[in-house]
Amino acid sequence: MFVVGDKVITEGEWVSLNGSTGEVILGKQPLSPPALSDDLETFMSWADEIRHLKVLQCSLSAAEVELNMRKFVFYKFSHMLLSIRLWRMLTHLKMQ
């Protein structure tokens, strides 16, 4: 449950977000396919003319993506801790 102004939104209620404008709408809204502006469509057609790599879809399941993200976060966190430990060791050695 959360409150926005005088509105109380409870679990199970639909809240929709307009991805183009950022507008938050109470209730379930119909989905519409994404549309490219004319300028973006022109730019993307130029990029399509010179690109070599084609990505058709992500072959990972949602669970695989989540597992990979967890591994990445663990990797970055462990390197951060290692950097802190090395810094402390180096500054401790330098002080003596």
PDB file of N, CA and C in Angstrom:
ATOM      1  N   MET A   1       0.845  -1.175   0.000  1.00  0.00           N
ATOM      2  CA  MET A   1       0.000   0.000   0.000  1.00  0.00           C
ATOM      3  C   MET A   1       0.890   1.237   0.000  1.00  0.00           C
ATOM      4  N   PHE A   2       0.492   2.237  -0.773  1.00  0.00           N
ATOM      5  CA  PHE A   2       1.162   3.524  -0.705  1.00  0.00           C
ATOM      6  C   PHE A   2       0.150   4.632  -0.962  1.00  0.00           C
ATOM      7  N   VAL A   3       0.513   5.820  -0.533  1.00  0.00           N
ATOM      8  CA  VAL A   3      -0.390   6.961  -0.622  1.00  0.00           C
ATOM      9  C   VAL A   3       0.264   8.031  -1.490  1.00  0.00           C
ATOM     10  N   VAL A   4      -0.515   8.572  -2.404  1.00  0.00           N
ATOM     11  CA  VAL A   4      -0.073   9.692  -3.229  1.00  0.00           C
ATOM     12  C   VAL A   4      -1.142  10.761  -3.107  1.00  0.00           C
ATOM     13  N   GLY A   5      -0.803  11.867  -2.460  1.00  0.00           N
ATOM     14  CA  GLY A   5      -1.795  12.911  -2.228  1.00  0.00           C
ATOM     15  C   GLY A   5      -2.924  12.352  -1.383  1.00  0.00           C
ATOM     16  N   ASP A   6      -4.153  12.405  -1.912  1.00  0.00           N
ATOM     17  CA  ASP A   6      -5.290  11.859  -1.168  1.00  0.00           C
ATOM     18  C   ASP A   6      -5.692  10.478  -1.683  1.00  0.00           C
ATOM     19  N   LYS A   7      -4.911   9.893  -2.586  1.00  0.00           N
ATOM     20  CA  LYS A   7      -5.203   8.571  -3.146  1.00  0.00           C
ATOM     21  C   LYS A   7      -4.436   7.497  -2.377  1.00  0.00           C
ATOM     22  N   VAL A   8      -5.135   6.419  -2.035  1.00  0.00           N
ATOM     23  CA  VAL A   8      -4.515   5.268  -1.376  1.00  0.00           C
ATOM     24  C   VAL A   8      -4.531   4.119  -2.378  1.00  0.00           C
ATOM     25  N   ILE A   9      -3.339   3.626  -2.721  1.00  0.00           N
ATOM     26  CA  ILE A   9      -3.217   2.527  -3.677  1.00  0.00           C
ATOM     27  C   ILE A   9      -2.854   1.284  -2.878  1.00  0.00           C
ATOM     28  N   THR A  10      -3.688   0.254  -3.001  1.00  0.00           N
ATOM     29  CA  THR A  10      -3.476  -0.968  -2.228  1.00  0.00           C
ATOM     30  C   THR A  10      -2.949  -2.074  -3.131  1.00  0.00           C
ATOM     31  N   GLU A  11      -2.458  -3.131  -2.501  1.00  0.00           N
ATOM     32  CA  GLU A  11      -1.918  -4.265  -3.237  1.00  0.00           C
ATOM     33  C   GLU A  11      -2.975  -4.835  -4.170  1.00  0.00           C
ATOM     34  N   GLY A  12      -2.561  -5.120  -5.391  1.00  0.00           N
ATOM     35  CA  GLY A  12      -3.476  -5.691  -6.373  1.00  0.00           C
ATOM     36  C   GLY A  12      -4.076  -4.665  -7.314  1.00  0.00           C
ATOM     37  N   GLU A  13      -4.003  -3.377  -6.968  1.00  0.00           N
ATOM     38  CA  GLU A  13      -4.517  -2.346  -7.869  1.00  0.00           C
ATOM     39  C   GLU A  13      -3.503  -2.096  -8.975  1.00  0.00           C
ATOM     40  N   TRP A  14      -4.001  -1.773 -10.163  1.00  0.00           N
ATOM     41  CA  TRP A  14      -3.137  -1.487 -11.294  1.00  0.00           C
ATOM     42  C   TRP A  14      -2.698  -0.029 -11.271  1.00  0.00           C
ATOM     43  N   VAL A  15      -1.414   0.178 -11.533  1.00  0.00           N
ATOM     44  CA  VAL A  15      -0.852   1.505 -11.724  1.00  0.00           C
ATOM     45  C   VAL A  15      -0.061   1.419 -13.024  1.00  0.00           C
ATOM     46  N   SER A  16      -0.360   2.266 -13.976  1.00  0.00           N
ATOM     47  CA  SER A  16       0.300   2.241 -15.280  1.00  0.00           C
ATOM     48  C   SER A  16       1.231   3.434 -15.408  1.00  0.00           C
ATOM     49  N   LEU A  17       2.235   3.277 -16.253  1.00  0.00           N
ATOM     50  CA  LEU A  17       3.205   4.339 -16.490  1.00  0.00           C
ATOM     51  C   LEU A  17       3.328   4.572 -17.979  1.00  0.00           C
ATOM     52  N   ASN A  18       3.146   5.829 -18.390  1.00  0.00           N
ATOM     53  CA  ASN A  18       3.359   6.197 -19.780  1.00  0.00           C
ATOM     54  C   ASN A  18       4.866   6.375 -19.958  1.00  0.00           C
ATOM     55  N   GLY A  19       5.500   5.458 -20.683  1.00  0.00           N
ATOM     56  CA  GLY A  19       6.942   5.478 -20.851  1.00  0.00           C
ATOM     57  C   GLY A  19       7.452   6.654 -21.645  1.00  0.00           C
ATOM     58  N   SER A  20       6.606   7.307 -22.415  1.00  0.00           N
ATOM     59  CA  SER A  20       7.041   8.464 -23.202  1.00  0.00           C
ATOM     60  C   SER A  20       6.994   9.751 -22.404  1.00  0.00           C
ATOM     61  N   THR A  21       5.941   9.908 -21.606  1.00  0.00           N
ATOM     62  CA  THR A  21       5.762  11.166 -20.879  1.00  0.00           C
ATOM     63  C   THR A  21       6.102  11.058 -19.397  1.00  0.00           C
ATOM     64  N   GLY A  22       6.151   9.815 -18.878  1.00  0.00           N
ATOM     65  CA  GLY A  22       6.395   9.626 -17.457  1.00  0.00           C
ATOM     66  C   GLY A  22       5.137   9.765 -16.616  1.00  0.00           C
ATOM     67  N   GLU A  23       4.010   9.948 -17.253  1.00  0.00           N
ATOM     68  CA  GLU A  23       2.742  10.112 -16.532  1.00  0.00           C
ATOM     69  C   GLU A  23       2.369   8.814 -15.823  1.00  0.00           C
ATOM     70  N   VAL A  24       1.982   8.913 -14.559  1.00  0.00           N
ATOM     71  CA  VAL A  24       1.518   7.770 -13.775  1.00  0.00           C
ATOM     72  C   VAL A  24      -0.001   7.785 -13.804  1.00  0.00           C
ATOM     73  N   ILE A  25      -0.598   6.641 -14.161  1.00  0.00           N
ATOM     74  CA  ILE A  25      -2.043   6.562 -14.358  1.00  0.00           C
ATOM     75  C   ILE A  25      -2.596   5.458 -13.480  1.00  0.00           C
ATOM     76  N   LEU A  26      -3.638   5.772 -12.709  1.00  0.00           N
ATOM     77  CA  LEU A  26      -4.305   4.737 -11.926  1.00  0.00           C
ATOM     78  C   LEU A  26      -5.115   3.858 -12.862  1.00  0.00           C
ATOM     79  N   GLY A  27      -5.004   2.549 -12.671  1.00  0.00           N
ATOM     80  CA  GLY A  27      -5.751   1.612 -13.496  1.00  0.00           C
ATOM     81  C   GLY A  27      -4.888   1.009 -14.588  1.00  0.00           C
ATOM     82  N   LYS A  28      -5.395  -0.068 -15.164  1.00  0.00           N
ATOM     83  CA  LYS A  28      -4.684  -0.777 -16.225  1.00  0.00           C
ATOM     84  C   LYS A  28      -4.963  -0.078 -17.556  1.00  0.00           C
ATOM     85  N   GLN A  29      -3.913   0.260 -18.264  1.00  0.00           N
ATOM     86  CA  GLN A  29      -4.036   0.931 -19.549  1.00  0.00           C
ATOM     87  C   GLN A  29      -3.686  -0.045 -20.667  1.00  0.00           C
ATOM     88  N   PRO A  30      -4.289   0.110 -21.839  1.00  0.00           N
ATOM     89  CA  PRO A  30      -3.938  -0.773 -22.954  1.00  0.00           C
ATOM     90  C   PRO A  30      -2.502  -0.493 -23.405  1.00  0.00           C
ATOM     91  N   LEU A  31      -1.797  -1.551 -23.790  1.00  0.00           N
ATOM     92  CA  LEU A  31      -0.429  -1.397 -24.263  1.00  0.00           C
ATOM     93  C   LEU A  31      -0.436  -0.962 -25.719  1.00  0.00           C
ATOM     94  N   SER A  32       0.508  -0.125 -26.059  1.00  0.00           N
ATOM     95  CA  SER A  32       0.657   0.257 -27.459  1.00  0.00           C
ATOM     96  C   SER A  32       2.094  -0.027 -27.872  1.00  0.00           C
ATOM     97  N   PRO A  33       2.281  -0.464 -29.105  1.00  0.00           N
ATOM     98  CA  PRO A  33       3.636  -0.777 -29.553  1.00  0.00           C
ATOM     99  C   PRO A  33       4.489   0.487 -29.604  1.00  0.00           C
ATOM    100  N   PRO A  34       5.791   0.347 -29.354  1.00  0.00           N
ATOM    101  CA  PRO A  34       6.649   1.529 -29.406  1.00  0.00           C
ATOM    102  C   PRO A  34       6.702   2.086 -30.823  1.00  0.00           C
ATOM    103  N   ALA A  35       6.800   3.390 -30.914  1.00  0.00           N
ATOM    104  CA  ALA A  35       6.862   4.043 -32.226  1.00  0.00           C
ATOM    105  C   ALA A  35       8.108   4.920 -32.275  1.00  0.00           C
ATOM    106  N   LEU A  36       8.802   4.884 -33.403  1.00  0.00           N
ATOM    107  CA  LEU A  36       9.983   5.715 -33.589  1.00  0.00           C
ATOM    108  C   LEU A  36       9.582   7.040 -34.222  1.00  0.00           C
ATOM    109  N   SER A  37      10.209   8.107 -33.770  1.00  0.00           N
ATOM    110  CA  SER A  37       9.981   9.386 -34.429  1.00  0.00           C
ATOM    111  C   SER A  37      10.643   9.324 -35.804  1.00  0.00           C
ATOM    112  N   ASP A  38      10.267  10.213 -36.694  1.00  0.00           N
ATOM    113  CA  ASP A  38      10.849  10.221 -38.039  1.00  0.00           C
ATOM    114  C   ASP A  38      12.362  10.409 -37.986  1.00  0.00           C
ATOM    115  N   ASP A  39      12.821  11.321 -37.103  1.00  0.00           N
ATOM    116  CA  ASP A  39      14.264  11.564 -36.997  1.00  0.00           C
ATOM    117  C   ASP A  39      15.004  10.328 -36.501  1.00  0.00           C
ATOM    118  N   LEU A  40      14.464   9.678 -35.478  1.00  0.00           N
ATOM    119  CA  LEU A  40      15.113   8.489 -34.941  1.00  0.00           C
ATOM    120  C   LEU A  40      15.082   7.351 -35.952  1.00  0.00           C
ATOM    121  N   GLU A  41      13.982   7.238 -36.672  1.00  0.00           N
ATOM    122  CA  GLU A  41      13.882   6.193 -37.700  1.00  0.00           C
ATOM    123  C   GLU A  41      14.919   6.414 -38.790  1.00  0.00           C
ATOM    124  N   THR A  42      15.131   7.655 -39.191  1.00  0.00           N
ATOM    125  CA  THR A  42      16.157   7.967 -40.194  1.00  0.00           C
ATOM    126  C   THR A  42      17.540   7.623 -39.662  1.00  0.00           C
ATOM    127  N   PHE A  43      17.822   8.038 -38.431  1.00  0.00           N
ATOM    128  CA  PHE A  43      19.124   7.763 -37.824  1.00  0.00           C
ATOM    129  C   PHE A  43      19.365   6.260 -37.735  1.00  0.00           C
ATOM    130  N   MET A  44      18.364   5.508 -37.286  1.00  0.00           N
ATOM    131  CA  MET A  44      18.519   4.061 -37.152  1.00  0.00           C
ATOM    132  C   MET A  44      18.711   3.391 -38.511  1.00  0.00           C
ATOM    133  N   SER A  45      18.089   3.922 -39.553  1.00  0.00           N
ATOM    134  CA  SER A  45      18.294   3.341 -40.886  1.00  0.00           C
ATOM    135  C   SER A  45      19.735   3.563 -41.342  1.00  0.00           C
ATOM    136  N   TRP A  46      20.327   4.724 -41.005  1.00  0.00           N
ATOM    137  CA  TRP A  46      21.744   4.959 -41.323  1.00  0.00           C
ATOM    138  C   TRP A  46      22.618   3.966 -40.572  1.00  0.00           C
ATOM    139  N   ALA A  47      22.312   3.748 -39.297  1.00  0.00           N
ATOM    140  CA  ALA A  47      23.088   2.797 -38.502  1.00  0.00           C
ATOM    141  C   ALA A  47      22.945   1.380 -39.057  1.00  0.00           C
ATOM    142  N   ASP A  48      21.738   1.025 -39.505  1.00  0.00           N
ATOM    143  CA  ASP A  48      21.518  -0.306 -40.074  1.00  0.00           C
ATOM    144  C   ASP A  48      22.349  -0.524 -41.329  1.00  0.00           C
ATOM    145  N   GLU A  49      22.602   0.541 -42.092  1.00  0.00           N
ATOM    146  CA  GLU A  49      23.374   0.418 -43.329  1.00  0.00           C
ATOM    147  C   GLU A  49      24.827   0.036 -43.072  1.00  0.00           C
ATOM    148  N   ILE A  50      25.394   0.444 -41.924  1.00  0.00           N
ATOM    149  CA  ILE A  50      26.819   0.196 -41.693  1.00  0.00           C
ATOM    150  C   ILE A  50      27.110  -0.829 -40.601  1.00  0.00           C
ATOM    151  N   ARG A  51      26.099  -1.276 -39.899  1.00  0.00           N
ATOM    152  CA  ARG A  51      26.361  -2.216 -38.800  1.00  0.00           C
ATOM    153  C   ARG A  51      26.676  -3.596 -39.351  1.00  0.00           C
ATOM    154  N   HIS A  52      27.474  -4.334 -38.563  1.00  0.00           N
ATOM    155  CA  HIS A  52      27.845  -5.686 -38.944  1.00  0.00           C
ATOM    156  C   HIS A  52      27.224  -6.720 -38.008  1.00  0.00           C
ATOM    157  N   LEU A  53      27.046  -6.357 -36.758  1.00  0.00           N
ATOM    158  CA  LEU A  53      26.513  -7.270 -35.756  1.00  0.00           C
ATOM    159  C   LEU A  53      24.995  -7.183 -35.755  1.00  0.00           C
ATOM    160  N   LYS A  54      24.355  -8.335 -35.765  1.00  0.00           N
ATOM    161  CA  LYS A  54      22.894  -8.365 -35.697  1.00  0.00           C
ATOM    162  C   LYS A  54      22.477  -9.131 -34.449  1.00  0.00           C
ATOM    163  N   VAL A  55      21.734  -8.493 -33.580  1.00  0.00           N
ATOM    164  CA  VAL A  55      21.209  -9.136 -32.385  1.00  0.00           C
ATOM    165  C   VAL A  55      19.711  -9.285 -32.588  1.00  0.00           C
ATOM    166  N   LEU A  56      19.265 -10.522 -32.639  1.00  0.00           N
ATOM    167  CA  LEU A  56      17.853 -10.763 -32.896  1.00  0.00           C
ATOM    168  C   LEU A  56      17.039 -10.837 -31.607  1.00  0.00           C
ATOM    169  N   GLN A  57      17.617 -11.449 -30.573  1.00  0.00           N
ATOM    170  CA  GLN A  57      16.909 -11.545 -29.307  1.00  0.00           C
ATOM    171  C   GLN A  57      17.872 -11.959 -28.220  1.00  0.00           C
ATOM    172  N   CYS A  58      17.463 -11.771 -27.005  1.00  0.00           N
ATOM    173  CA  CYS A  58      18.243 -12.221 -25.857  1.00  0.00           C
ATOM    174  C   CYS A  58      17.922 -13.688 -25.647  1.00  0.00           C
ATOM    175  N   SER A  59      18.952 -14.538 -25.607  1.00  0.00           N
ATOM    176  CA  SER A  59      18.702 -15.970 -25.484  1.00  0.00           C
ATOM    177  C   SER A  59      18.655 -16.436 -24.033  1.00  0.00           C
ATOM    178  N   LEU A  60      18.795 -15.509 -23.096  1.00  0.00           N
ATOM    179  CA  LEU A  60      18.777 -15.884 -21.689  1.00  0.00           C
ATOM    180  C   LEU A  60      17.360 -15.808 -21.129  1.00  0.00           C
ATOM    181  N   SER A  61      17.076 -16.718 -20.221  1.00  0.00           N
ATOM    182  CA  SER A  61      15.794 -16.631 -19.523  1.00  0.00           C
ATOM    183  C   SER A  61      15.910 -15.568 -18.436  1.00  0.00           C
ATOM    184  N   ALA A  62      14.802 -15.191 -17.857  1.00  0.00           N
ATOM    185  CA  ALA A  62      14.806 -14.185 -16.786  1.00  0.00           C
ATOM    186  C   ALA A  62      15.647 -14.666 -15.605  1.00  0.00           C
ATOM    187  N   ALA A  63      15.573 -15.961 -15.299  1.00  0.00           N
ATOM    188  CA  ALA A  63      16.353 -16.512 -14.182  1.00  0.00           C
ATOM    189  C   ALA A  63      17.848 -16.434 -14.474  1.00  0.00           C
ATOM    190  N   GLU A  64      18.245 -16.694 -15.725  1.00  0.00           N
ATOM    191  CA  GLU A  64      19.660 -16.608 -16.100  1.00  0.00           C
ATOM    192  C   GLU A  64      20.162 -15.170 -16.028  1.00  0.00           C
ATOM    193  N   VAL A  65      19.340 -14.242 -16.458  1.00  0.00           N
ATOM    194  CA  VAL A  65      19.716 -12.826 -16.385  1.00  0.00           C
ATOM    195  C   VAL A  65      19.909 -12.426 -14.929  1.00  0.00           C
ATOM    196  N   GLU A  66      18.982 -12.837 -14.064  1.00  0.00           N
ATOM    197  CA  GLU A  66      19.089 -12.498 -12.645  1.00  0.00           C
ATOM    198  C   GLU A  66      20.347 -13.112 -12.034  1.00  0.00           C
ATOM    199  N   LEU A  67      20.645 -14.376 -12.371  1.00  0.00           N
ATOM    200  CA  LEU A  67      21.840 -15.035 -11.851  1.00  0.00           C
ATOM    201  C   LEU A  67      23.099 -14.304 -12.322  1.00  0.00           C
ATOM    202  N   ASN A  68      23.140 -13.919 -13.592  1.00  0.00           N
ATOM    203  CA  ASN A  68      24.293 -13.189 -14.112  1.00  0.00           C
ATOM    204  C   ASN A  68      24.453 -11.840 -13.432  1.00  0.00           C
ATOM    205  N   MET A  69      23.348 -11.160 -13.148  1.00  0.00           N
ATOM    206  CA  MET A  69      23.426  -9.871 -12.456  1.00  0.00           C
ATOM    207  C   MET A  69      23.953 -10.071 -11.035  1.00  0.00           C
ATOM    208  N   ARG A  70      23.503 -11.121 -10.360  1.00  0.00           N
ATOM    209  CA  ARG A  70      23.996 -11.393  -9.010  1.00  0.00           C
ATOM    210  C   ARG A  70      25.496 -11.674  -9.025  1.00  0.00           C
ATOM    211  N   LYS A  71      25.947 -12.457 -10.021  1.00  0.00           N
ATOM    212  CA  LYS A  71      27.376 -12.745 -10.150  1.00  0.00           C
ATOM    213  C   LYS A  71      28.155 -11.454 -10.384  1.00  0.00           C
ATOM    214  N   PHE A  72      27.633 -10.593 -11.252  1.00  0.00           N
ATOM    215  CA  PHE A  72      28.301  -9.338 -11.560  1.00  0.00           C
ATOM    216  C   PHE A  72      28.404  -8.451 -10.320  1.00  0.00           C
ATOM    217  N   VAL A  73      27.308  -8.337  -9.577  1.00  0.00           N
ATOM    218  CA  VAL A  73      27.307  -7.511  -8.363  1.00  0.00           C
ATOM    219  C   VAL A  73      28.296  -8.083  -7.351  1.00  0.00           C
ATOM    220  N   PHE A  74      28.306  -9.417  -7.190  1.00  0.00           N
ATOM    221  CA  PHE A  74      29.254 -10.042  -6.264  1.00  0.00           C
ATOM    222  C   PHE A  74      30.688  -9.759  -6.710  1.00  0.00           C
ATOM    223  N   TYR A  75      30.948  -9.885  -7.998  1.00  0.00           N
ATOM    224  CA  TYR A  75      32.284  -9.637  -8.544  1.00  0.00           C
ATOM    225  C   TYR A  75      32.725  -8.199  -8.264  1.00  0.00           C
ATOM    226  N   LYS A  76      31.859  -7.237  -8.561  1.00  0.00           N
ATOM    227  CA  LYS A  76      32.206  -5.820  -8.345  1.00  0.00           C
ATOM    228  C   LYS A  76      32.397  -5.537  -6.856  1.00  0.00           C
ATOM    229  N   PHE A  77      31.536  -6.101  -6.011  1.00  0.00           N
ATOM    230  CA  PHE A  77      31.627  -5.872  -4.570  1.00  0.00           C
ATOM    231  C   PHE A  77      32.918  -6.462  -4.016  1.00  0.00           C
ATOM    232  N   SER A  78      33.248  -7.690  -4.452  1.00  0.00           N
ATOM    233  CA  SER A  78      34.469  -8.323  -3.941  1.00  0.00           C
ATOM    234  C   SER A  78      35.703  -7.548  -4.384  1.00  0.00           C
ATOM    235  N   HIS A  79      35.702  -7.018  -5.608  1.00  0.00           N
ATOM    236  CA  HIS A  79      36.834  -6.202  -6.063  1.00  0.00           C
ATOM    237  C   HIS A  79      36.915  -4.889  -5.294  1.00  0.00           C
ATOM    238  N   MET A  80      35.768  -4.330  -4.940  1.00  0.00           N
ATOM    239  CA  MET A  80      35.772  -3.107  -4.150  1.00  0.00           C
ATOM    240  C   MET A  80      36.386  -3.380  -2.777  1.00  0.00           C
ATOM    241  N   LEU A  81      35.981  -4.497  -2.153  1.00  0.00           N
ATOM    242  CA  LEU A  81      36.542  -4.846  -0.847  1.00  0.00           C
ATOM    243  C   LEU A  81      38.038  -5.109  -0.954  1.00  0.00           C
ATOM    244  N   LEU A  82      38.459  -5.805  -2.014  1.00  0.00           N
ATOM    245  CA  LEU A  82      39.878  -6.069  -2.215  1.00  0.00           C
ATOM    246  C   LEU A  82      40.643  -4.759  -2.365  1.00  0.00           C
ATOM    247  N   SER A  83      40.092  -3.809  -3.102  1.00  0.00           N
ATOM    248  CA  SER A  83      40.740  -2.509  -3.278  1.00  0.00           C
ATOM    249  C   SER A  83      40.880  -1.784  -1.945  1.00  0.00           C
ATOM    250  N   ILE A  84      39.857  -1.849  -1.121  1.00  0.00           N
ATOM    251  CA  ILE A  84      39.909  -1.199   0.197  1.00  0.00           C
ATOM    252  C   ILE A  84      40.985  -1.847   1.051  1.00  0.00           C
ATOM    253  N   ARG A  85      41.029  -3.178   1.055  1.00  0.00           N
ATOM    254  CA  ARG A  85      42.039  -3.889   1.838  1.00  0.00           C
ATOM    255  C   ARG A  85      43.448  -3.546   1.359  1.00  0.00           C
ATOM    256  N   LEU A  86      43.647  -3.534   0.041  1.00  0.00           N
ATOM    257  CA  LEU A  86      44.971  -3.193  -0.503  1.00  0.00           C
ATOM    258  C   LEU A  86      45.349  -1.769  -0.133  1.00  0.00           C
ATOM    259  N   TRP A  87      44.398  -0.854  -0.241  1.00  0.00           N
ATOM    260  CA  TRP A  87      44.670   0.547   0.105  1.00  0.00           C
ATOM    261  C   TRP A  87      45.077   0.673   1.563  1.00  0.00           C
ATOM    262  N   ARG A  88      44.352  -0.026   2.427  1.00  0.00           N
ATOM    263  CA  ARG A  88      44.690   0.016   3.861  1.00  0.00           C
ATOM    264  C   ARG A  88      46.073  -0.578   4.109  1.00  0.00           C
ATOM    265  N   MET A  89      46.391  -1.685   3.438  1.00  0.00           N
ATOM    266  CA  MET A  89      47.711  -2.297   3.604  1.00  0.00           C
ATOM    267  C   MET A  89      48.813  -1.348   3.136  1.00  0.00           C
ATOM    268  N   LEU A  90      48.612  -0.741   1.971  1.00  0.00           N
ATOM    269  CA  LEU A  90      49.620   0.155   1.417  1.00  0.00           C
ATOM    270  C   LEU A  90      49.812   1.401   2.272  1.00  0.00           C
ATOM    271  N   THR A  91      48.706   1.977   2.719  1.00  0.00           N
ATOM    272  CA  THR A  91      48.841   3.182   3.538  1.00  0.00           C
ATOM    273  C   THR A  91      49.418   2.844   4.912  1.00  0.00           C
ATOM    274  N   HIS A  92      49.125   1.646   5.422  1.00  0.00           N
ATOM    275  CA  HIS A  92      49.693   1.215   6.698  1.00  0.00           C
ATOM    276  C   HIS A  92      51.201   1.017   6.557  1.00  0.00           C
ATOM    277  N   LEU A  93      51.626   0.406   5.451  1.00  0.00           N
ATOM    278  CA  LEU A  93      53.044   0.190   5.214  1.00  0.00           C
ATOM    279  C   LEU A  93      53.772   1.504   5.015  1.00  0.00           C
ATOM    280  N   LYS A  94      53.126   2.418   4.332  1.00  0.00           N
ATOM    281  CA  LYS A  94      53.735   3.726   4.043  1.00  0.00           C
ATOM    282  C   LYS A  94      53.956   4.524   5.319  1.00  0.00           C
ATOM    283  N   MET A  95      53.055   4.384   6.288  1.00  0.00           N
ATOM    284  CA  MET A  95      53.119   5.166   7.521  1.00  0.00           C
ATOM    285  C   MET A  95      54.249   4.678   8.428  1.00  0.00           C
ATOM    286  N   GLN A  96      54.625   3.436   8.336  1.00  0.00           N
ATOM    287  CA  GLN A  96      55.639   2.907   9.247  1.00  0.00           C
ATOM    288  C   GLN A  96      57.049   3.191   8.796  1.00  0.00           C
TER     289      GLN A  96
END
